[in-house]
Amino acid sequence: MRRHGERNKESIRERRIPPPAAARCLVTALTVTCASGLSDTCVFLLSTPGSGSSTMVELLAEESRCEMSGENWGEFITLAAFQSQLSRTINQPRERAGPHDYWAWHKVYNDTRAMVTLTERFAREMVEAQLNPRRLPCWGFKEIRYGLPPRHLTMGHDIAFLGRQCARPRVIFHMRRYISSELNSTISEKNDFDYALQRACFRAYVRGTATSDPNFPHQLRGCVCTEPPCPPAILHELEDYIEHNARHERLWSFLGLPSPRSRAVLCQGNHCAHPPHP
C-alpha cells in the first residue's frame, strides 16, 4: 500500500503538457479551448484543518491536470492586505485641515492609476510564478487558514483578491461532515482552532447573505464577498468523495473538469488507505 503523497513522477510529467506559449487553454470535460490572455482556471481549496484536504489536492493534481500546491501559511492573505493598504494610501486625501496633516499624508507620486496597475501586475506575476510556473491551464492551492480567526474578518476580501488572479476562479470550501471528526484529527490535537466559526464563515460566503441584513451575525460580515465579481464557491465534504455521491460529481461539473476515474489515497493521521468504492 503506497503512502499519501507518493506518486509516479514520470507519469505525472507525461500527463502535464503545457499549452503553447502564445495561448492559454481551458480544459473542460469534452474540449480544450485556447485563447490569448487570461483564460485559465484556478482552484482554491479552502478547508478546515484535519478535513482530508491533502487527499483532495492529490486527487486534483493527478487526475485533472491541475498544478496544485499545498499550504502557503496564508501568504496570499498578506498579499491581499498589501494591495488593500496601498489602495487606502493612494486614496487618502492629500490636503487635510492643516499643514501637519498635509505632510503626514504627503505623496511624492502623482500617477495613482499607474501605481495600481503596477501592483496588480506584480500580484498576478507573483501568484503565477509560485503556483503555476509551467503555465498549465488549471492551477491552484489548498489552505486551512482562510476563515479562521482573525482572518475571518477579511475572508470575503481575500477571496475576491484571489479571484482577480485568473479568468475563471473556483473556490471549494472543504470540510468533514461532522465537526467531531475534525476535532479528533491529529492536527487538532496540536492546535486550538475555532472550527465552528470557520465552518459558519464558509457557509456565509456560499449563501452570499447581504451584510445589510440587521439579523446577519456581526462576526461573519467579513466572510461575505462585497467586491464583485465574487468567485463562485461550493461546499464539499470528505464523505462526498468517500461515498462518490452526487455532490462529489457536482464538484467536477462546477470546476468544468472531467470526473476522475481513479481513487486517491485517503489519509487520516498516519494511516493511509484507498477509500472503498460505494
C-alpha atoms as a PDB file:
ATOM      1  CA  MET A   1       0.000   0.000   0.000  1.00  0.00           C
ATOM      2  CA  ARG A   2       1.516   3.328  -1.013  1.00  0.00           C
ATOM      3  CA  ARG A   3       1.539   6.260   1.358  1.00  0.00           C
ATOM      4  CA  HIS A   4      -0.125   9.579   0.725  1.00  0.00           C
ATOM      5  CA  GLY A   5       1.959  11.881  -1.479  1.00  0.00           C
ATOM      6  CA  GLU A   6       3.955   9.148  -3.235  1.00  0.00           C
ATOM      7  CA  ARG A   7       3.474   9.440  -6.966  1.00  0.00           C
ATOM      8  CA  ASN A   8       4.834   8.120 -10.192  1.00  0.00           C
ATOM      9  CA  LYS A   9       6.570  11.371 -11.119  1.00  0.00           C
ATOM     10  CA  GLU A  10       7.304  10.253 -14.654  1.00  0.00           C
ATOM     11  CA  SER A  11       3.646   9.533 -15.442  1.00  0.00           C
ATOM     12  CA  ILE A  12       2.614  12.845 -13.890  1.00  0.00           C
ATOM     13  CA  ARG A  13       5.137  14.648 -16.059  1.00  0.00           C
ATOM     14  CA  GLU A  14       3.783  12.936 -19.190  1.00  0.00           C
ATOM     15  CA  ARG A  15       0.196  13.917 -18.397  1.00  0.00           C
ATOM     16  CA  ARG A  16       1.031  17.559 -17.746  1.00  0.00           C
ATOM     17  CA  ILE A  17       1.634  19.017 -21.180  1.00  0.00           C
ATOM     18  CA  PRO A  18       1.986  22.815 -21.054  1.00  0.00           C
ATOM     19  CA  PRO A  19      -0.129  24.786 -23.539  1.00  0.00           C
ATOM     20  CA  PRO A  20       1.528  26.817 -26.311  1.00  0.00           C
ATOM     21  CA  ALA A  21       3.453  29.848 -25.091  1.00  0.00           C
ATOM     22  CA  ALA A  22       1.233  32.248 -27.020  1.00  0.00           C
ATOM     23  CA  ALA A  23      -2.012  30.979 -25.594  1.00  0.00           C
ATOM     24  CA  ARG A  24      -3.742  29.671 -22.508  1.00  0.00           C
ATOM     25  CA  CYS A  25      -6.017  26.643 -22.723  1.00  0.00           C
ATOM     26  CA  LEU A  26      -9.161  25.913 -20.757  1.00  0.00           C
ATOM     27  CA  VAL A  27      -9.779  22.210 -20.155  1.00  0.00           C
ATOM     28  CA  THR A  28     -13.414  21.116 -19.982  1.00  0.00           C
ATOM     29  CA  ALA A  29     -14.979  17.676 -19.874  1.00  0.00           C
ATOM     30  CA  LEU A  30     -15.145  17.458 -23.654  1.00  0.00           C
ATOM     31  CA  THR A  31     -12.848  20.020 -25.232  1.00  0.00           C
ATOM     32  CA  VAL A  32      -9.744  22.106 -24.809  1.00  0.00           C
ATOM     33  CA  THR A  33     -10.315  25.739 -25.801  1.00  0.00           C
ATOM     34  CA  CYS A  34      -7.316  28.019 -26.294  1.00  0.00           C
ATOM     35  CA  ALA A  35      -7.300  31.790 -26.448  1.00  0.00           C
ATOM     36  CA  SER A  36      -4.902  34.623 -25.786  1.00  0.00           C
ATOM     37  CA  GLY A  37      -4.924  36.478 -22.494  1.00  0.00           C
ATOM     38  CA  LEU A  38      -6.218  35.170 -19.168  1.00  0.00           C
ATOM     39  CA  SER A  39      -8.237  32.048 -19.900  1.00  0.00           C
ATOM     40  CA  ASP A  40      -7.029  29.764 -17.159  1.00  0.00           C
ATOM     41  CA  THR A  41      -8.939  28.084 -14.358  1.00  0.00           C
ATOM     42  CA  CYS A  42      -7.715  28.496 -10.784  1.00  0.00           C
ATOM     43  CA  VAL A  43      -8.921  26.253  -7.971  1.00  0.00           C
ATOM     44  CA  PHE A  44      -8.706  27.476  -4.389  1.00  0.00           C
ATOM     45  CA  LEU A  45      -9.303  24.627  -1.965  1.00  0.00           C
ATOM     46  CA  LEU A  46     -10.031  26.363   1.336  1.00  0.00           C
ATOM     47  CA  SER A  47     -10.578  23.850   4.094  1.00  0.00           C
ATOM     48  CA  THR A  48     -10.990  23.254   7.777  1.00  0.00           C
ATOM     49  CA  PRO A  49      -7.935  21.697   9.496  1.00  0.00           C
ATOM     50  CA  GLY A  50      -7.913  17.908   9.598  1.00  0.00           C
ATOM     51  CA  SER A  51     -10.588  17.581   6.901  1.00  0.00           C
ATOM     52  CA  GLY A  52      -8.613  15.481   4.416  1.00  0.00           C
ATOM     53  CA  SER A  53      -7.799  18.413   2.136  1.00  0.00           C
ATOM     54  CA  SER A  54      -4.405  16.889   1.246  1.00  0.00           C
ATOM     55  CA  THR A  55      -6.295  13.969  -0.269  1.00  0.00           C
ATOM     56  CA  MET A  56      -8.253  16.402  -2.430  1.00  0.00           C
ATOM     57  CA  VAL A  57      -5.034  18.116  -3.533  1.00  0.00           C
ATOM     58  CA  GLU A  58      -3.665  14.759  -4.687  1.00  0.00           C
ATOM     59  CA  LEU A  59      -6.901  13.972  -6.479  1.00  0.00           C
ATOM     60  CA  LEU A  60      -6.901  17.295  -8.335  1.00  0.00           C
ATOM     61  CA  ALA A  61      -3.208  17.164  -9.155  1.00  0.00           C
ATOM     62  CA  GLU A  62      -3.190  13.622 -10.512  1.00  0.00           C
ATOM     63  CA  GLU A  63      -6.496  13.490 -12.328  1.00  0.00           C
ATOM     64  CA  SER A  64      -7.363  16.925 -13.713  1.00  0.00           C
ATOM     65  CA  ARG A  65      -4.044  18.323 -14.985  1.00  0.00           C
ATOM     66  CA  CYS A  66      -4.208  20.973 -12.309  1.00  0.00           C
ATOM     67  CA  GLU A  67      -0.977  22.359 -10.897  1.00  0.00           C
ATOM     68  CA  MET A  68      -1.995  22.124  -7.240  1.00  0.00           C
ATOM     69  CA  SER A  69       0.164  23.466  -4.410  1.00  0.00           C
ATOM     70  CA  GLY A  70      -0.109  22.786  -0.701  1.00  0.00           C
ATOM     71  CA  GLU A  71      -0.179  25.137   2.272  1.00  0.00           C
ATOM     72  CA  ASN A  72       1.416  28.583   1.959  1.00  0.00           C
ATOM     73  CA  TRP A  73       0.977  29.929   5.521  1.00  0.00           C
ATOM     74  CA  GLY A  74      -1.659  32.376   4.294  1.00  0.00           C
ATOM     75  CA  GLU A  75       0.846  34.416   2.309  1.00  0.00           C
ATOM     76  CA  PHE A  76      -1.753  35.445  -0.250  1.00  0.00           C
ATOM     77  CA  ILE A  77      -3.891  36.803   2.560  1.00  0.00           C
ATOM     78  CA  THR A  78      -0.911  39.016   3.351  1.00  0.00           C
ATOM     79  CA  LEU A  79      -0.564  39.973  -0.318  1.00  0.00           C
ATOM     80  CA  ALA A  80      -4.251  40.915  -0.439  1.00  0.00           C
ATOM     81  CA  ALA A  81      -3.752  43.065   2.666  1.00  0.00           C
ATOM     82  CA  PHE A  82      -0.795  44.788   0.975  1.00  0.00           C
ATOM     83  CA  GLN A  83      -2.949  45.736  -2.016  1.00  0.00           C
ATOM     84  CA  SER A  84      -5.710  46.963   0.279  1.00  0.00           C
ATOM     85  CA  GLN A  85      -3.314  49.130   2.286  1.00  0.00           C
ATOM     86  CA  LEU A  86      -1.797  50.579  -0.884  1.00  0.00           C
ATOM     87  CA  SER A  87      -5.259  51.458  -2.149  1.00  0.00           C
ATOM     88  CA  ARG A  88      -6.028  53.240   1.133  1.00  0.00           C
ATOM     89  CA  THR A  89      -2.762  55.147   0.871  1.00  0.00           C
ATOM     90  CA  ILE A  90      -3.438  56.235  -2.703  1.00  0.00           C
ATOM     91  CA  ASN A  91      -6.988  57.325  -1.914  1.00  0.00           C
ATOM     92  CA  GLN A  92      -6.051  59.208   1.239  1.00  0.00           C
ATOM     93  CA  PRO A  93      -6.747  62.942   0.738  1.00  0.00           C
ATOM     94  CA  ARG A  94      -3.575  64.891   0.070  1.00  0.00           C
ATOM     95  CA  GLU A  95      -4.751  68.015   1.784  1.00  0.00           C
ATOM     96  CA  ARG A  96      -6.233  67.940   5.246  1.00  0.00           C
ATOM     97  CA  ALA A  97      -7.215  70.585   7.768  1.00  0.00           C
ATOM     98  CA  GLY A  98      -3.727  71.904   8.466  1.00  0.00           C
ATOM     99  CA  PRO A  99      -0.113  71.773   7.276  1.00  0.00           C
ATOM    100  CA  HIS A 100       0.792  68.996   9.700  1.00  0.00           C
ATOM    101  CA  ASP A 101      -1.978  66.762   8.312  1.00  0.00           C
ATOM    102  CA  TYR A 102      -0.836  67.578   4.778  1.00  0.00           C
ATOM    103  CA  TRP A 103       2.714  66.432   5.441  1.00  0.00           C
ATOM    104  CA  ALA A 104       1.535  63.441   7.439  1.00  0.00           C
ATOM    105  CA  TRP A 105      -0.100  62.029   4.261  1.00  0.00           C
ATOM    106  CA  HIS A 106       2.142  63.672   1.646  1.00  0.00           C
ATOM    107  CA  LYS A 107       2.675  61.708  -1.603  1.00  0.00           C
ATOM    108  CA  VAL A 108       5.604  62.126  -3.957  1.00  0.00           C
ATOM    109  CA  TYR A 109       3.907  60.321  -6.846  1.00  0.00           C
ATOM    110  CA  ASN A 110       1.108  61.705  -8.998  1.00  0.00           C
ATOM    111  CA  ASP A 111       0.059  58.880 -11.326  1.00  0.00           C
ATOM    112  CA  THR A 112      -2.023  56.815  -8.919  1.00  0.00           C
ATOM    113  CA  ARG A 113      -3.522  54.703 -11.729  1.00  0.00           C
ATOM    114  CA  ALA A 114      -0.012  53.607 -12.731  1.00  0.00           C
ATOM    115  CA  MET A 115       0.692  52.593  -9.131  1.00  0.00           C
ATOM    116  CA  VAL A 116      -2.434  50.443  -9.000  1.00  0.00           C
ATOM    117  CA  THR A 117      -1.623  48.844 -12.361  1.00  0.00           C
ATOM    118  CA  LEU A 118       1.917  48.127 -11.218  1.00  0.00           C
ATOM    119  CA  THR A 119       0.804  46.370  -8.041  1.00  0.00           C
ATOM    120  CA  GLU A 120      -1.891  44.393  -9.867  1.00  0.00           C
ATOM    121  CA  ARG A 121       0.716  43.167 -12.339  1.00  0.00           C
ATOM    122  CA  PHE A 122       3.090  42.349  -9.502  1.00  0.00           C
ATOM    123  CA  ALA A 123       0.402  40.351  -7.682  1.00  0.00           C
ATOM    124  CA  ARG A 124      -0.510  38.392 -10.816  1.00  0.00           C
ATOM    125  CA  GLU A 125       3.117  37.578 -11.642  1.00  0.00           C
ATOM    126  CA  MET A 126       3.874  36.707  -8.016  1.00  0.00           C
ATOM    127  CA  VAL A 127       0.944  34.304  -7.786  1.00  0.00           C
ATOM    128  CA  GLU A 128       1.589  32.705 -11.176  1.00  0.00           C
ATOM    129  CA  ALA A 129       5.348  32.339 -10.694  1.00  0.00           C
ATOM    130  CA  GLN A 130       4.819  30.463  -7.440  1.00  0.00           C
ATOM    131  CA  LEU A 131       1.684  28.473  -8.223  1.00  0.00           C
ATOM    132  CA  ASN A 132       1.817  27.896 -11.979  1.00  0.00           C
ATOM    133  CA  PRO A 133       5.410  28.165 -13.269  1.00  0.00           C
ATOM    134  CA  ARG A 134       4.692  25.807 -16.182  1.00  0.00           C
ATOM    135  CA  ARG A 135       1.669  27.836 -17.323  1.00  0.00           C
ATOM    136  CA  LEU A 136      -0.771  24.940 -17.140  1.00  0.00           C
ATOM    137  CA  PRO A 137      -4.453  25.604 -17.924  1.00  0.00           C
ATOM    138  CA  CYS A 138      -5.521  24.757 -14.372  1.00  0.00           C
ATOM    139  CA  TRP A 139      -3.728  25.666 -11.158  1.00  0.00           C
ATOM    140  CA  GLY A 140      -4.378  26.452  -7.523  1.00  0.00           C
ATOM    141  CA  PHE A 141      -3.587  25.676  -3.904  1.00  0.00           C
ATOM    142  CA  LYS A 142      -5.102  24.457  -0.664  1.00  0.00           C
ATOM    143  CA  GLU A 143      -5.049  26.394   2.589  1.00  0.00           C
ATOM    144  CA  ILE A 144      -6.566  25.896   6.053  1.00  0.00           C
ATOM    145  CA  ARG A 145      -6.128  29.484   7.267  1.00  0.00           C
ATOM    146  CA  TYR A 146      -8.983  31.224   5.431  1.00  0.00           C
ATOM    147  CA  GLY A 147     -11.897  31.809   7.769  1.00  0.00           C
ATOM    148  CA  LEU A 148     -10.003  31.050  10.967  1.00  0.00           C
ATOM    149  CA  PRO A 149      -9.844  33.932  13.483  1.00  0.00           C
ATOM    150  CA  PRO A 150      -8.752  36.626  12.946  1.00  0.00           C
ATOM    151  CA  ARG A 151      -8.695  36.013   9.191  1.00  0.00           C
ATOM    152  CA  HIS A 152     -12.473  35.550   9.107  1.00  0.00           C
ATOM    153  CA  LEU A 153     -12.693  39.353   9.360  1.00  0.00           C
ATOM    154  CA  THR A 154     -11.310  39.751   5.820  1.00  0.00           C
ATOM    155  CA  MET A 155     -12.100  36.411   4.144  1.00  0.00           C
ATOM    156  CA  GLY A 156     -14.529  37.872   1.602  1.00  0.00           C
ATOM    157  CA  HIS A 157     -11.966  40.480   0.542  1.00  0.00           C
ATOM    158  CA  ASP A 158      -9.138  37.917   0.487  1.00  0.00           C
ATOM    159  CA  ILE A 159     -11.086  35.571  -1.787  1.00  0.00           C
ATOM    160  CA  ALA A 160     -12.044  38.452  -4.095  1.00  0.00           C
ATOM    161  CA  PHE A 161      -8.315  39.181  -4.411  1.00  0.00           C
ATOM    162  CA  LEU A 162      -7.638  35.553  -5.367  1.00  0.00           C
ATOM    163  CA  GLY A 163     -10.396  35.700  -7.959  1.00  0.00           C
ATOM    164  CA  ARG A 164      -8.697  38.579  -9.761  1.00  0.00           C
ATOM    165  CA  GLN A 165      -5.639  36.434 -10.473  1.00  0.00           C
ATOM    166  CA  CYS A 166      -7.234  34.364 -13.247  1.00  0.00           C
ATOM    167  CA  ALA A 167     -10.096  34.347 -15.723  1.00  0.00           C
ATOM    168  CA  ARG A 168     -12.102  31.510 -14.195  1.00  0.00           C
ATOM    169  CA  PRO A 169     -11.709  31.262 -10.405  1.00  0.00           C
ATOM    170  CA  ARG A 170     -13.378  28.465  -8.464  1.00  0.00           C
ATOM    171  CA  VAL A 171     -13.483  28.148  -4.667  1.00  0.00           C
ATOM    172  CA  ILE A 172     -14.021  24.835  -2.857  1.00  0.00           C
ATOM    173  CA  PHE A 173     -14.875  25.031   0.842  1.00  0.00           C
ATOM    174  CA  HIS A 174     -13.866  21.595   2.071  1.00  0.00           C
ATOM    175  CA  MET A 175     -14.680  20.071   5.471  1.00  0.00           C
ATOM    176  CA  ARG A 176     -15.777  16.881   7.217  1.00  0.00           C
ATOM    177  CA  ARG A 177     -19.471  16.080   7.521  1.00  0.00           C
ATOM    178  CA  TYR A 178     -19.304  16.112  11.301  1.00  0.00           C
ATOM    179  CA  ILE A 179     -17.181  18.547  13.262  1.00  0.00           C
ATOM    180  CA  SER A 180     -16.267  15.791  15.737  1.00  0.00           C
ATOM    181  CA  SER A 181     -14.140  14.122  13.036  1.00  0.00           C
ATOM    182  CA  GLU A 182     -12.034  17.279  12.717  1.00  0.00           C
ATOM    183  CA  LEU A 183     -11.778  17.744  16.466  1.00  0.00           C
ATOM    184  CA  ASN A 184     -10.371  14.212  16.733  1.00  0.00           C
ATOM    185  CA  SER A 185      -7.783  14.752  13.981  1.00  0.00           C
ATOM    186  CA  THR A 186      -4.032  14.800  14.585  1.00  0.00           C
ATOM    187  CA  ILE A 187      -3.702  18.493  13.695  1.00  0.00           C
ATOM    188  CA  SER A 188      -6.441  19.454  16.154  1.00  0.00           C
ATOM    189  CA  GLU A 189      -4.536  17.824  18.990  1.00  0.00           C
ATOM    190  CA  LYS A 190      -1.687  20.308  18.457  1.00  0.00           C
ATOM    191  CA  ASN A 191      -3.706  23.485  17.815  1.00  0.00           C
ATOM    192  CA  ASP A 192      -6.682  25.377  19.209  1.00  0.00           C
ATOM    193  CA  PHE A 193      -8.811  26.084  16.131  1.00  0.00           C
ATOM    194  CA  ASP A 194     -12.289  27.622  16.116  1.00  0.00           C
ATOM    195  CA  TYR A 195     -13.809  25.074  13.748  1.00  0.00           C
ATOM    196  CA  ALA A 196     -17.386  26.234  14.317  1.00  0.00           C
ATOM    197  CA  LEU A 197     -16.646  29.825  13.333  1.00  0.00           C
ATOM    198  CA  GLN A 198     -14.672  28.768  10.254  1.00  0.00           C
ATOM    199  CA  ARG A 199     -17.494  26.497   9.073  1.00  0.00           C
ATOM    200  CA  ALA A 200     -20.028  29.286   9.601  1.00  0.00           C
ATOM    201  CA  CYS A 201     -17.767  31.647   7.655  1.00  0.00           C
ATOM    202  CA  PHE A 202     -17.597  29.231   4.702  1.00  0.00           C
ATOM    203  CA  ARG A 203     -21.365  28.829   4.635  1.00  0.00           C
ATOM    204  CA  ALA A 204     -21.916  32.586   4.873  1.00  0.00           C
ATOM    205  CA  TYR A 205     -19.778  33.117   1.764  1.00  0.00           C
ATOM    206  CA  VAL A 206     -21.655  30.469  -0.230  1.00  0.00           C
ATOM    207  CA  ARG A 207     -25.047  31.876   0.795  1.00  0.00           C
ATOM    208  CA  GLY A 208     -23.908  35.380  -0.101  1.00  0.00           C
ATOM    209  CA  THR A 209     -26.100  36.798   2.644  1.00  0.00           C
ATOM    210  CA  ALA A 210     -26.400  40.569   2.425  1.00  0.00           C
ATOM    211  CA  THR A 211     -24.400  42.176   5.214  1.00  0.00           C
ATOM    212  CA  SER A 212     -27.026  44.932   5.367  1.00  0.00           C
ATOM    213  CA  ASP A 213     -29.427  42.441   6.970  1.00  0.00           C
ATOM    214  CA  PRO A 214     -29.736  43.575  10.607  1.00  0.00           C
ATOM    215  CA  ASN A 215     -30.052  39.937  11.692  1.00  0.00           C
ATOM    216  CA  PHE A 216     -26.822  38.921   9.990  1.00  0.00           C
ATOM    217  CA  PRO A 217     -24.199  37.930  12.638  1.00  0.00           C
ATOM    218  CA  HIS A 218     -21.688  40.716  13.057  1.00  0.00           C
ATOM    219  CA  GLN A 219     -18.732  38.351  13.357  1.00  0.00           C
ATOM    220  CA  LEU A 220     -19.495  36.864   9.915  1.00  0.00           C
ATOM    221  CA  ARG A 221     -19.761  40.127   7.980  1.00  0.00           C
ATOM    222  CA  GLY A 222     -16.185  39.909   6.770  1.00  0.00           C
ATOM    223  CA  CYS A 223     -16.798  36.394   5.417  1.00  0.00           C
ATOM    224  CA  VAL A 224     -19.071  37.656   2.627  1.00  0.00           C
ATOM    225  CA  CYS A 225     -17.618  38.943  -0.635  1.00  0.00           C
ATOM    226  CA  THR A 226     -18.689  42.537  -1.332  1.00  0.00           C
ATOM    227  CA  GLU A 227     -16.264  43.220  -4.201  1.00  0.00           C
ATOM    228  CA  PRO A 228     -17.881  41.840  -7.379  1.00  0.00           C
ATOM    229  CA  PRO A 229     -17.295  39.860  -9.394  1.00  0.00           C
ATOM    230  CA  CYS A 230     -17.055  37.410  -6.492  1.00  0.00           C
ATOM    231  CA  PRO A 231     -15.549  33.987  -7.268  1.00  0.00           C
ATOM    232  CA  PRO A 232     -18.224  31.265  -7.201  1.00  0.00           C
ATOM    233  CA  ALA A 233     -17.874  28.720  -4.404  1.00  0.00           C
ATOM    234  CA  ILE A 234     -19.173  25.277  -3.492  1.00  0.00           C
ATOM    235  CA  LEU A 235     -19.282  23.303  -0.245  1.00  0.00           C
ATOM    236  CA  HIS A 236     -17.687  19.851  -0.303  1.00  0.00           C
ATOM    237  CA  GLU A 237     -17.241  17.206   2.362  1.00  0.00           C
ATOM    238  CA  LEU A 238     -14.639  14.451   2.520  1.00  0.00           C
ATOM    239  CA  GLU A 239     -17.512  11.988   2.914  1.00  0.00           C
ATOM    240  CA  ASP A 240     -18.821  13.065  -0.519  1.00  0.00           C
ATOM    241  CA  TYR A 241     -15.560  11.834  -2.011  1.00  0.00           C
ATOM    242  CA  ILE A 242     -15.541   8.589   0.006  1.00  0.00           C
ATOM    243  CA  GLU A 243     -19.146   7.829  -0.985  1.00  0.00           C
ATOM    244  CA  HIS A 244     -18.592   9.133  -4.519  1.00  0.00           C
ATOM    245  CA  ASN A 245     -22.084  10.601  -4.323  1.00  0.00           C
ATOM    246  CA  ALA A 246     -23.958  13.127  -6.456  1.00  0.00           C
ATOM    247  CA  ARG A 247     -22.477  16.115  -4.615  1.00  0.00           C
ATOM    248  CA  HIS A 248     -18.983  14.875  -5.398  1.00  0.00           C
ATOM    249  CA  GLU A 249     -19.940  14.598  -9.082  1.00  0.00           C
ATOM    250  CA  ARG A 250     -21.307  18.157  -8.986  1.00  0.00           C
ATOM    251  CA  LEU A 251     -17.900  19.295  -7.782  1.00  0.00           C
ATOM    252  CA  TRP A 252     -16.311  18.349 -11.094  1.00  0.00           C
ATOM    253  CA  SER A 253     -19.084  19.962 -13.091  1.00  0.00           C
ATOM    254  CA  PHE A 254     -18.566  23.089 -11.020  1.00  0.00           C
ATOM    255  CA  LEU A 255     -14.854  23.061 -11.893  1.00  0.00           C
ATOM    256  CA  GLY A 256     -15.553  22.306 -15.560  1.00  0.00           C
ATOM    257  CA  LEU A 257     -13.280  19.286 -15.377  1.00  0.00           C
ATOM    258  CA  PRO A 258     -13.858  15.589 -16.075  1.00  0.00           C
ATOM    259  CA  SER A 259     -14.619  13.411 -13.079  1.00  0.00           C
ATOM    260  CA  PRO A 260     -11.543  11.334 -12.155  1.00  0.00           C
ATOM    261  CA  ARG A 261     -11.631   7.604 -12.779  1.00  0.00           C
ATOM    262  CA  SER A 262      -9.202   6.506 -10.094  1.00  0.00           C
ATOM    263  CA  ARG A 263      -9.242   6.933  -6.337  1.00  0.00           C
ATOM    264  CA  ALA A 264      -6.603   8.916  -4.478  1.00  0.00           C
ATOM    265  CA  VAL A 265      -5.111   7.687  -1.238  1.00  0.00           C
ATOM    266  CA  LEU A 266      -7.165   8.649   1.804  1.00  0.00           C
ATOM    267  CA  CYS A 267      -5.135   9.625   4.863  1.00  0.00           C
ATOM    268  CA  GLN A 268      -6.224  10.322   8.406  1.00  0.00           C
ATOM    269  CA  GLY A 269      -3.305  10.952  10.734  1.00  0.00           C
ATOM    270  CA  ASN A 270      -0.592   8.420   9.901  1.00  0.00           C
ATOM    271  CA  HIS A 271      -2.967   5.847   8.443  1.00  0.00           C
ATOM    272  CA  CYS A 272      -3.406   5.847   4.659  1.00  0.00           C
ATOM    273  CA  ALA A 273      -5.612   3.643   2.523  1.00  0.00           C
ATOM    274  CA  HIS A 274      -7.620   3.694  -0.676  1.00  0.00           C
ATOM    275  CA  PRO A 275     -11.250   4.575   0.121  1.00  0.00           C
ATOM    276  CA  PRO A 276     -13.744   1.846  -0.774  1.00  0.00           C
ATOM    277  CA  HIS A 277     -15.922   2.149  -3.827  1.00  0.00           C
ATOM    278  CA  PRO A 278     -19.614   2.609  -2.992  1.00  0.00           C
END
